N, C-alpha and C. Protein backbone atom coordinates (compact mmCIF):
# COMPACT_ATOMS: atom_id res chain seq x y z
N MET A 1 11.33 -10.17 -16.84
CA MET A 1 10.22 -9.81 -17.70
C MET A 1 9.38 -11.06 -17.97
N ALA A 2 8.08 -10.91 -17.83
CA ALA A 2 7.16 -12.03 -18.08
C ALA A 2 6.68 -11.97 -19.53
N PHE A 3 6.47 -13.14 -20.12
CA PHE A 3 6.01 -13.23 -21.50
C PHE A 3 4.64 -13.86 -21.53
N GLU A 4 3.90 -13.59 -22.59
CA GLU A 4 2.55 -14.12 -22.77
C GLU A 4 2.52 -15.09 -23.94
N VAL A 5 1.50 -15.92 -23.96
CA VAL A 5 1.32 -16.87 -25.06
C VAL A 5 1.20 -16.10 -26.37
N GLY A 6 1.90 -16.56 -27.39
CA GLY A 6 1.85 -15.95 -28.71
C GLY A 6 2.96 -14.95 -28.99
N GLN A 7 3.70 -14.54 -27.97
CA GLN A 7 4.77 -13.58 -28.19
C GLN A 7 5.99 -14.26 -28.81
N ARG A 8 6.63 -13.54 -29.76
CA ARG A 8 7.86 -14.04 -30.37
C ARG A 8 9.02 -13.64 -29.50
N VAL A 9 9.92 -14.59 -29.29
CA VAL A 9 11.06 -14.37 -28.40
C VAL A 9 12.37 -14.80 -29.06
N ILE A 10 13.46 -14.31 -28.49
CA ILE A 10 14.80 -14.69 -28.91
C ILE A 10 15.53 -15.19 -27.68
N ALA A 11 16.08 -16.40 -27.74
CA ALA A 11 16.90 -16.94 -26.65
C ALA A 11 18.34 -16.54 -26.92
N GLU A 12 19.05 -16.20 -25.86
CA GLU A 12 20.43 -15.73 -25.99
C GLU A 12 21.33 -16.75 -26.66
N LYS A 13 22.43 -16.26 -27.16
CA LYS A 13 23.42 -17.14 -27.75
C LYS A 13 23.92 -18.09 -26.69
N SER A 14 24.17 -19.32 -27.06
CA SER A 14 24.67 -20.28 -26.10
C SER A 14 25.76 -21.12 -26.75
N GLY A 15 26.35 -21.94 -25.99
CA GLY A 15 27.40 -22.79 -26.52
C GLY A 15 28.76 -22.36 -26.02
N ARG A 16 29.73 -22.46 -26.87
CA ARG A 16 31.10 -22.17 -26.46
C ARG A 16 31.31 -20.68 -26.21
N ARG A 17 32.17 -20.39 -25.23
CA ARG A 17 32.48 -19.00 -24.90
C ARG A 17 33.48 -18.40 -25.89
N LYS A 18 34.51 -19.16 -26.25
CA LYS A 18 35.49 -18.66 -27.21
C LYS A 18 35.12 -19.11 -28.60
N ARG A 19 35.12 -18.20 -29.51
CA ARG A 19 34.79 -18.54 -30.89
C ARG A 19 36.07 -18.96 -31.62
N THR A 20 36.00 -20.13 -32.22
CA THR A 20 37.13 -20.62 -33.01
C THR A 20 36.57 -21.15 -34.32
N ALA A 21 37.44 -21.44 -35.25
CA ALA A 21 36.99 -21.95 -36.55
C ALA A 21 36.32 -23.32 -36.39
N ARG A 22 36.81 -24.14 -35.47
CA ARG A 22 36.25 -25.47 -35.28
C ARG A 22 34.97 -25.47 -34.45
N ALA A 23 34.84 -24.51 -33.55
CA ALA A 23 33.69 -24.50 -32.64
C ALA A 23 33.12 -23.09 -32.51
N PRO A 24 32.41 -22.60 -33.52
CA PRO A 24 31.85 -21.25 -33.43
C PRO A 24 30.70 -21.20 -32.43
N MET A 25 30.39 -19.98 -31.96
CA MET A 25 29.25 -19.82 -31.06
C MET A 25 27.96 -20.08 -31.81
N ARG A 26 26.99 -20.65 -31.11
CA ARG A 26 25.70 -20.89 -31.73
C ARG A 26 24.94 -19.58 -31.84
N PRO A 27 24.19 -19.39 -32.92
CA PRO A 27 23.40 -18.16 -33.06
C PRO A 27 22.20 -18.19 -32.11
N PRO A 28 21.58 -17.03 -31.86
CA PRO A 28 20.39 -17.01 -31.01
C PRO A 28 19.25 -17.79 -31.66
N ARG A 29 18.33 -18.33 -30.84
CA ARG A 29 17.18 -19.09 -31.34
C ARG A 29 15.94 -18.22 -31.29
N HIS A 30 15.11 -18.34 -32.31
CA HIS A 30 13.85 -17.58 -32.39
C HIS A 30 12.69 -18.55 -32.23
N GLY A 31 11.64 -18.10 -31.52
CA GLY A 31 10.49 -18.96 -31.34
C GLY A 31 9.28 -18.21 -30.83
N VAL A 32 8.21 -18.96 -30.56
CA VAL A 32 6.93 -18.42 -30.09
C VAL A 32 6.58 -19.10 -28.78
N VAL A 33 6.14 -18.31 -27.79
CA VAL A 33 5.71 -18.87 -26.51
C VAL A 33 4.38 -19.59 -26.73
N GLU A 34 4.35 -20.89 -26.48
CA GLU A 34 3.14 -21.69 -26.64
C GLU A 34 2.34 -21.76 -25.34
N ARG A 35 3.03 -21.92 -24.21
CA ARG A 35 2.36 -22.02 -22.90
C ARG A 35 3.24 -21.39 -21.84
N VAL A 36 2.61 -20.77 -20.85
CA VAL A 36 3.31 -20.29 -19.67
C VAL A 36 3.06 -21.34 -18.60
N LEU A 37 4.11 -22.07 -18.25
CA LEU A 37 3.99 -23.15 -17.28
C LEU A 37 4.09 -22.65 -15.84
N ARG A 38 4.86 -21.58 -15.65
CA ARG A 38 5.03 -20.99 -14.34
C ARG A 38 5.43 -19.53 -14.53
N GLY A 39 4.86 -18.63 -13.75
CA GLY A 39 5.15 -17.21 -13.86
C GLY A 39 6.33 -16.79 -13.00
N ASP A 40 6.48 -15.48 -12.85
CA ASP A 40 7.57 -14.93 -12.04
C ASP A 40 7.45 -15.38 -10.60
N PRO A 41 8.48 -15.51 -9.82
CA PRO A 41 9.84 -15.04 -10.04
C PRO A 41 10.73 -16.03 -10.79
N ASN A 42 10.31 -17.29 -10.94
CA ASN A 42 11.11 -18.29 -11.66
C ASN A 42 10.28 -18.81 -12.84
N PRO A 43 10.20 -18.03 -13.91
CA PRO A 43 9.31 -18.40 -15.02
C PRO A 43 9.76 -19.65 -15.77
N ARG A 44 8.78 -20.27 -16.39
CA ARG A 44 9.04 -21.46 -17.21
C ARG A 44 8.06 -21.42 -18.37
N TYR A 45 8.57 -21.59 -19.59
CA TYR A 45 7.75 -21.47 -20.79
C TYR A 45 7.93 -22.68 -21.69
N GLU A 46 6.88 -23.03 -22.42
CA GLU A 46 7.02 -23.98 -23.52
C GLU A 46 7.13 -23.13 -24.77
N ILE A 47 8.21 -23.30 -25.51
CA ILE A 47 8.49 -22.48 -26.69
C ILE A 47 8.61 -23.37 -27.91
N ARG A 48 7.91 -22.97 -28.99
CA ARG A 48 8.03 -23.65 -30.29
C ARG A 48 9.06 -22.86 -31.08
N TRP A 49 10.20 -23.47 -31.33
CA TRP A 49 11.30 -22.81 -32.04
C TRP A 49 11.04 -22.83 -33.54
N ASP A 50 11.63 -21.88 -34.25
CA ASP A 50 11.45 -21.79 -35.70
C ASP A 50 11.98 -23.02 -36.44
N GLU A 51 12.86 -23.78 -35.81
CA GLU A 51 13.39 -25.00 -36.45
C GLU A 51 12.36 -26.11 -36.45
N GLY A 52 11.23 -25.92 -35.73
CA GLY A 52 10.18 -26.92 -35.70
C GLY A 52 10.12 -27.73 -34.42
N THR A 53 11.04 -27.54 -33.51
CA THR A 53 11.04 -28.27 -32.25
C THR A 53 10.40 -27.43 -31.15
N SER A 54 9.98 -28.09 -30.09
CA SER A 54 9.45 -27.41 -28.90
C SER A 54 10.28 -27.83 -27.71
N SER A 55 10.41 -26.91 -26.75
CA SER A 55 11.12 -27.26 -25.52
C SER A 55 10.59 -26.43 -24.37
N ILE A 56 10.89 -26.90 -23.16
CA ILE A 56 10.57 -26.17 -21.95
C ILE A 56 11.79 -25.30 -21.65
N TYR A 57 11.58 -24.02 -21.45
CA TYR A 57 12.68 -23.08 -21.29
C TYR A 57 12.51 -22.31 -19.99
N SER A 58 13.54 -22.33 -19.15
CA SER A 58 13.56 -21.56 -17.91
C SER A 58 14.68 -20.53 -18.02
N PRO A 59 14.37 -19.31 -18.44
CA PRO A 59 15.42 -18.31 -18.67
C PRO A 59 16.07 -17.86 -17.37
N MET A 60 17.37 -17.65 -17.43
CA MET A 60 18.12 -17.15 -16.30
C MET A 60 18.83 -15.86 -16.70
N ASN A 61 18.77 -14.87 -15.85
CA ASN A 61 19.50 -13.60 -16.04
C ASN A 61 19.26 -12.99 -17.41
N GLY A 62 18.02 -12.86 -17.81
CA GLY A 62 17.71 -12.21 -19.08
C GLY A 62 18.07 -13.04 -20.29
N GLY A 63 18.02 -14.35 -20.18
CA GLY A 63 18.40 -15.24 -21.27
C GLY A 63 17.41 -15.28 -22.41
N ILE A 64 16.30 -14.58 -22.27
CA ILE A 64 15.28 -14.56 -23.32
C ILE A 64 14.72 -13.14 -23.41
N GLN A 65 14.45 -12.70 -24.66
CA GLN A 65 13.96 -11.34 -24.90
C GLN A 65 12.85 -11.37 -25.93
N LEU A 66 12.05 -10.31 -25.96
CA LEU A 66 11.06 -10.18 -27.03
C LEU A 66 11.79 -9.98 -28.35
N ASP A 67 11.26 -10.53 -29.41
CA ASP A 67 11.83 -10.35 -30.74
C ASP A 67 11.43 -8.96 -31.23
N PRO A 68 12.38 -8.03 -31.38
CA PRO A 68 12.03 -6.65 -31.74
C PRO A 68 11.53 -6.49 -33.17
N THR A 69 11.70 -7.49 -34.01
CA THR A 69 11.27 -7.36 -35.41
C THR A 69 9.81 -7.75 -35.61
N TYR A 70 9.12 -8.21 -34.55
CA TYR A 70 7.74 -8.64 -34.66
C TYR A 70 6.84 -7.84 -33.74
N THR A 71 5.59 -7.66 -34.15
CA THR A 71 4.59 -7.01 -33.31
C THR A 71 3.92 -8.07 -32.44
N LYS A 72 3.04 -7.66 -31.55
CA LYS A 72 2.38 -8.62 -30.66
C LYS A 72 1.51 -9.61 -31.44
N GLY A 73 0.95 -9.18 -32.57
CA GLY A 73 0.12 -10.06 -33.38
C GLY A 73 0.88 -11.10 -34.17
N GLY A 74 2.21 -11.04 -34.15
CA GLY A 74 3.02 -12.03 -34.84
C GLY A 74 3.48 -11.62 -36.22
N LYS A 75 3.06 -10.42 -36.70
CA LYS A 75 3.49 -9.95 -38.01
C LYS A 75 4.79 -9.17 -37.87
N LYS A 76 5.59 -9.22 -38.92
CA LYS A 76 6.80 -8.41 -38.92
C LYS A 76 6.41 -6.94 -38.97
N LYS A 77 7.18 -6.09 -38.31
CA LYS A 77 6.87 -4.66 -38.27
C LYS A 77 6.83 -4.05 -39.67
N LYS A 78 7.73 -4.48 -40.56
CA LYS A 78 7.76 -3.95 -41.92
C LYS A 78 6.48 -4.31 -42.66
N GLU A 79 6.01 -5.55 -42.50
CA GLU A 79 4.77 -5.99 -43.17
C GLU A 79 3.57 -5.22 -42.66
N LYS A 80 3.55 -4.96 -41.36
CA LYS A 80 2.44 -4.22 -40.75
C LYS A 80 2.41 -2.79 -41.28
N ALA A 81 3.57 -2.16 -41.38
CA ALA A 81 3.64 -0.78 -41.87
C ALA A 81 3.19 -0.71 -43.32
N ALA A 82 3.55 -1.70 -44.14
CA ALA A 82 3.15 -1.72 -45.55
C ALA A 82 1.63 -1.89 -45.67
N ALA A 83 1.05 -2.73 -44.82
CA ALA A 83 -0.38 -2.97 -44.87
C ALA A 83 -1.16 -1.72 -44.46
N GLU A 84 -0.63 -0.94 -43.52
CA GLU A 84 -1.29 0.27 -43.07
C GLU A 84 -1.26 1.36 -44.13
N LYS A 85 -0.22 1.38 -44.97
CA LYS A 85 -0.10 2.39 -46.03
C LYS A 85 -1.12 2.16 -47.13
N GLU A 86 -1.52 0.91 -47.35
CA GLU A 86 -2.43 0.57 -48.46
C GLU A 86 -3.80 0.96 -48.15
């Protein structure tokens, strides 16, 4: 799946395979696509993560997905629904 600039994405969980008390799995990362550096079949994106850092990300085997809680405009779906009711 190809992503566009401005779309919110979630990167898959990474880190250790076995979860233990000393080394738990890392949670998924949330961010916004800032630039598309290369398209399909081997995409590469610059992503600004919610933690404030940016990185170049080359997803493998579905390692990145659209964030289902946000619309294309970047607003949360719940906020958009509330604004439409008013």
